[in-house]
């Protein structure tokens, strides 16, 4: 698996790790569908986008359930994403300072 794909999946998992079991997996599938461009390819249709990611029909239904009934809010995910990005920038700054110093 390419390093960029591995890194993106790691970041997505960091967003959902503390969510209820089932919701976290469903949201990772949905978020991966978004960042991989599969939702664009399906013209916004969720089930075709999820199955284009390689999910089975039951897994796509579970992801759909996580979207509509899962224990999460967009506010929570956006706050976690912001914290993750700030942490990544801090880490990059430190690495850059070590290289130049």
C-alpha atoms as a PDB file:
ATOM      1  CA  UNK A   1       0.000   0.000   0.000  1.00  0.00           C
ATOM      2  CA  UNK A   2       1.440   3.449  -0.871  1.00  0.00           C
ATOM      3  CA  UNK A   3       2.699   5.478   2.079  1.00  0.00           C
ATOM      4  CA  UNK A   4       0.237   8.336   1.423  1.00  0.00           C
ATOM      5  CA  UNK A   5      -2.726   5.946   1.531  1.00  0.00           C
ATOM      6  CA  UNK A   6      -1.457   4.357   4.720  1.00  0.00           C
ATOM      7  CA  UNK A   7      -0.968   7.768   6.332  1.00  0.00           C
ATOM      8  CA  UNK A   8      -4.441   8.986   5.331  1.00  0.00           C
ATOM      9  CA  UNK A   9      -6.090   5.860   6.709  1.00  0.00           C
ATOM     10  CA  UNK A  10      -4.138   6.316   9.949  1.00  0.00           C
ATOM     11  CA  UNK A  11      -5.381   9.900  10.239  1.00  0.00           C
ATOM     12  CA  UNK A  12      -8.980   8.867   9.547  1.00  0.00           C
ATOM     13  CA  UNK A  13      -8.752   6.147  12.183  1.00  0.00           C
ATOM     14  CA  UNK A  14      -7.455   8.697  14.681  1.00  0.00           C
ATOM     15  CA  UNK A  15     -10.652  10.700  14.133  1.00  0.00           C
ATOM     16  CA  UNK A  16     -13.006   7.863  14.964  1.00  0.00           C
ATOM     17  CA  UNK A  17     -11.081   5.705  17.429  1.00  0.00           C
ATOM     18  CA  UNK A  18     -13.068   6.860  20.471  1.00  0.00           C
ATOM     19  CA  UNK A  19     -16.499   6.497  18.852  1.00  0.00           C
ATOM     20  CA  UNK A  20     -18.761   3.528  19.587  1.00  0.00           C
ATOM     21  CA  UNK A  21     -17.785   0.231  17.964  1.00  0.00           C
ATOM     22  CA  UNK A  22     -19.575  -0.093  14.652  1.00  0.00           C
ATOM     23  CA  UNK A  23     -19.958   3.653  14.256  1.00  0.00           C
ATOM     24  CA  UNK A  24     -16.184   4.042  14.076  1.00  0.00           C
ATOM     25  CA  UNK A  25     -15.775   1.451  11.323  1.00  0.00           C
ATOM     26  CA  UNK A  26     -18.742   2.787   9.356  1.00  0.00           C
ATOM     27  CA  UNK A  27     -17.392   6.329   9.506  1.00  0.00           C
ATOM     28  CA  UNK A  28     -13.927   5.236   8.403  1.00  0.00           C
ATOM     29  CA  UNK A  29     -15.562   3.636   5.365  1.00  0.00           C
ATOM     30  CA  UNK A  30     -17.573   6.794   4.645  1.00  0.00           C
ATOM     31  CA  UNK A  31     -14.603   9.113   5.120  1.00  0.00           C
ATOM     32  CA  UNK A  32     -12.406   6.911   2.934  1.00  0.00           C
ATOM     33  CA  UNK A  33     -15.077   7.009   0.236  1.00  0.00           C
ATOM     34  CA  UNK A  34     -14.928  10.819   0.390  1.00  0.00           C
ATOM     35  CA  UNK A  35     -11.154  11.280   0.351  1.00  0.00           C
ATOM     36  CA  UNK A  36     -10.582   8.579  -2.275  1.00  0.00           C
ATOM     37  CA  UNK A  37     -12.954  10.290  -4.725  1.00  0.00           C
ATOM     38  CA  UNK A  38     -15.361   7.357  -4.923  1.00  0.00           C
ATOM     39  CA  UNK A  39     -18.310   9.589  -4.015  1.00  0.00           C
ATOM     40  CA  UNK A  40     -17.539  11.804  -7.000  1.00  0.00           C
ATOM     41  CA  UNK A  41     -17.373   8.788  -9.277  1.00  0.00           C
ATOM     42  CA  UNK A  42     -20.816   7.711  -8.094  1.00  0.00           C
ATOM     43  CA  UNK A  43     -22.171  11.255  -8.521  1.00  0.00           C
ATOM     44  CA  UNK A  44     -22.994  11.536  -4.851  1.00  0.00           C
ATOM     45  CA  UNK A  45     -24.768   8.197  -4.495  1.00  0.00           C
ATOM     46  CA  UNK A  46     -23.623   6.605  -1.237  1.00  0.00           C
ATOM     47  CA  UNK A  47     -24.212   2.906  -1.894  1.00  0.00           C
ATOM     48  CA  UNK A  48     -22.455   2.862  -5.277  1.00  0.00           C
ATOM     49  CA  UNK A  49     -19.630   4.957  -3.778  1.00  0.00           C
ATOM     50  CA  UNK A  50     -19.210   2.567  -0.866  1.00  0.00           C
ATOM     51  CA  UNK A  51     -19.289  -0.519  -3.058  1.00  0.00           C
ATOM     52  CA  UNK A  52     -16.765   1.141  -5.394  1.00  0.00           C
ATOM     53  CA  UNK A  53     -14.442   1.169  -2.360  1.00  0.00           C
ATOM     54  CA  UNK A  54     -14.752  -2.606  -2.292  1.00  0.00           C
ATOM     55  CA  UNK A  55     -17.342  -2.916   0.470  1.00  0.00           C
ATOM     56  CA  UNK A  56     -19.914  -5.681   0.390  1.00  0.00           C
ATOM     57  CA  UNK A  57     -23.615  -4.755   0.425  1.00  0.00           C
ATOM     58  CA  UNK A  58     -23.940  -5.538   4.169  1.00  0.00           C
ATOM     59  CA  UNK A  59     -20.859  -3.420   4.970  1.00  0.00           C
ATOM     60  CA  UNK A  60     -22.244  -0.549   2.874  1.00  0.00           C
ATOM     61  CA  UNK A  61     -25.522  -0.765   4.826  1.00  0.00           C
ATOM     62  CA  UNK A  62     -23.610  -0.638   8.107  1.00  0.00           C
ATOM     63  CA  UNK A  63     -21.729   2.453   6.932  1.00  0.00           C
ATOM     64  CA  UNK A  64     -25.053   4.036   5.953  1.00  0.00           C
ATOM     65  CA  UNK A  65     -26.410   3.241   9.432  1.00  0.00           C
ATOM     66  CA  UNK A  66     -23.346   4.867  11.033  1.00  0.00           C
ATOM     67  CA  UNK A  67     -23.982   7.985   8.999  1.00  0.00           C
ATOM     68  CA  UNK A  68     -27.601   8.317  10.043  1.00  0.00           C
ATOM     69  CA  UNK A  69     -27.761   6.777  13.479  1.00  0.00           C
ATOM     70  CA  UNK A  70     -24.212   6.567  14.767  1.00  0.00           C
ATOM     71  CA  UNK A  71     -22.965   8.172  17.963  1.00  0.00           C
ATOM     72  CA  UNK A  72     -21.085  11.117  16.471  1.00  0.00           C
ATOM     73  CA  UNK A  73     -21.499  14.738  15.406  1.00  0.00           C
ATOM     74  CA  UNK A  74     -19.841  16.703  12.641  1.00  0.00           C
ATOM     75  CA  UNK A  75     -18.750  19.235  15.280  1.00  0.00           C
ATOM     76  CA  UNK A  76     -16.854  16.497  17.138  1.00  0.00           C
ATOM     77  CA  UNK A  77     -15.160  15.188  13.990  1.00  0.00           C
ATOM     78  CA  UNK A  78     -14.193  18.689  12.838  1.00  0.00           C
ATOM     79  CA  UNK A  79     -12.710  19.501  16.248  1.00  0.00           C
ATOM     80  CA  UNK A  80     -10.696  16.258  16.174  1.00  0.00           C
ATOM     81  CA  UNK A  81      -9.568  16.938  12.608  1.00  0.00           C
ATOM     82  CA  UNK A  82      -8.423  20.440  13.605  1.00  0.00           C
ATOM     83  CA  UNK A  83      -6.462  19.043  16.552  1.00  0.00           C
ATOM     84  CA  UNK A  84      -4.905  16.387  14.320  1.00  0.00           C
ATOM     85  CA  UNK A  85      -3.849  18.957  11.708  1.00  0.00           C
ATOM     86  CA  UNK A  86      -2.372  21.242  14.377  1.00  0.00           C
ATOM     87  CA  UNK A  87      -0.443  18.277  15.775  1.00  0.00           C
ATOM     88  CA  UNK A  88       0.835  17.332  12.338  1.00  0.00           C
ATOM     89  CA  UNK A  89       2.008  20.901  11.647  1.00  0.00           C
ATOM     90  CA  UNK A  90       3.776  21.010  15.016  1.00  0.00           C
ATOM     91  CA  UNK A  91       5.527  17.735  14.224  1.00  0.00           C
ATOM     92  CA  UNK A  92       6.560  18.973  10.780  1.00  0.00           C
ATOM     93  CA  UNK A  93       7.930  22.194  12.273  1.00  0.00           C
ATOM     94  CA  UNK A  94      10.002  20.249  14.782  1.00  0.00           C
ATOM     95  CA  UNK A  95      11.379  17.942  12.090  1.00  0.00           C
ATOM     96  CA  UNK A  96      12.232  20.926   9.896  1.00  0.00           C
ATOM     97  CA  UNK A  97      14.029  22.659  12.754  1.00  0.00           C
ATOM     98  CA  UNK A  98      16.106  19.531  13.433  1.00  0.00           C
ATOM     99  CA  UNK A  99      17.157  19.318   9.787  1.00  0.00           C
ATOM    100  CA  UNK A 100      18.155  22.994   9.552  1.00  0.00           C
ATOM    101  CA  UNK A 101      19.772  23.161  13.013  1.00  0.00           C
END
